[in-house]
Amino acid sequence: MPDVLLHFLTSGVAGLGWLGMLVVLLVFTQLTIFSVTLYLHRSRAHRGVDFHPALNHFFRF
């Protein structure tokens, strides 16, 4: 069992390895920052930006 756990921790679910997991982490972090900045701050707080209803639904999700 420890070998399986070690392999999972070093390879991840998709088997990308540590460099691939780092890239995925950075991409998801940037998407989160853009979502918070554009949707929650600009659109919801200041009403400065209007998004398409489908995009609004995606951001709410």
Protein backbone atom coordinates (compact mmCIF):
# COMPACT_ATOMS: atom_id res chain seq x y z
CA MET A 1 0.00 0.00 0.00
CA PRO A 2 2.74 2.58 0.71
CA ASP A 3 4.14 2.09 -2.83
CA VAL A 4 0.74 2.88 -4.35
CA LEU A 5 0.36 5.98 -2.19
CA LEU A 6 3.86 7.18 -3.05
CA HIS A 7 3.18 6.69 -6.77
CA PHE A 8 -0.10 8.62 -6.49
CA LEU A 9 1.56 11.51 -4.64
CA THR A 10 4.39 11.80 -7.17
CA SER A 11 2.36 11.21 -10.36
CA GLY A 12 -1.10 12.53 -9.55
CA VAL A 13 -4.39 11.26 -10.91
CA ALA A 14 -3.48 11.74 -14.59
CA GLY A 15 0.10 10.51 -14.22
CA LEU A 16 1.59 13.86 -15.22
CA GLY A 17 4.50 13.87 -12.80
CA TRP A 18 5.45 16.76 -10.58
CA LEU A 19 6.14 19.21 -13.41
CA GLY A 20 2.77 18.56 -15.04
CA MET A 21 0.99 18.94 -11.70
CA LEU A 22 2.81 22.25 -11.19
CA VAL A 23 1.63 23.51 -14.59
CA VAL A 24 -1.96 22.44 -13.85
CA LEU A 25 -1.78 24.17 -10.46
CA LEU A 26 -0.54 27.41 -12.05
CA VAL A 27 -3.24 27.34 -14.75
CA PHE A 28 -6.02 26.74 -12.21
CA THR A 29 -4.62 29.50 -9.99
CA GLN A 30 -4.69 32.00 -12.84
CA LEU A 31 -8.25 30.99 -13.81
CA THR A 32 -9.33 31.51 -10.21
CA ILE A 33 -7.69 34.95 -10.04
CA PHE A 34 -9.30 36.02 -13.33
CA SER A 35 -12.69 34.72 -12.21
CA VAL A 36 -12.59 36.54 -8.90
CA THR A 37 -11.26 39.76 -10.41
CA LEU A 38 -13.54 39.94 -13.42
CA TYR A 39 -16.76 38.38 -12.19
CA LEU A 40 -16.97 39.01 -8.47
CA HIS A 41 -15.20 42.35 -8.31
CA ARG A 42 -15.85 44.09 -11.64
CA SER A 43 -19.22 42.61 -12.53
CA ARG A 44 -20.95 41.96 -9.21
CA ALA A 45 -19.47 44.66 -6.94
CA HIS A 46 -19.19 47.65 -9.29
CA ARG A 47 -21.56 46.59 -12.10
CA GLY A 48 -18.86 47.84 -14.47
CA VAL A 49 -18.87 44.81 -16.77
CA ASP A 50 -21.82 42.92 -18.22
CA PHE A 51 -21.21 39.32 -19.26
CA HIS A 52 -23.30 37.05 -21.44
CA PRO A 53 -25.85 35.09 -19.34
CA ALA A 54 -24.12 31.80 -20.15
CA LEU A 55 -20.81 33.19 -18.90
CA ASN A 56 -22.52 34.54 -15.79
CA HIS A 57 -23.89 31.07 -15.11
CA PHE A 58 -20.42 29.55 -15.57
CA PHE A 59 -18.86 32.02 -13.12
CA ARG A 60 -21.64 31.44 -10.58
CA PHE A 61 -21.04 27.70 -10.84
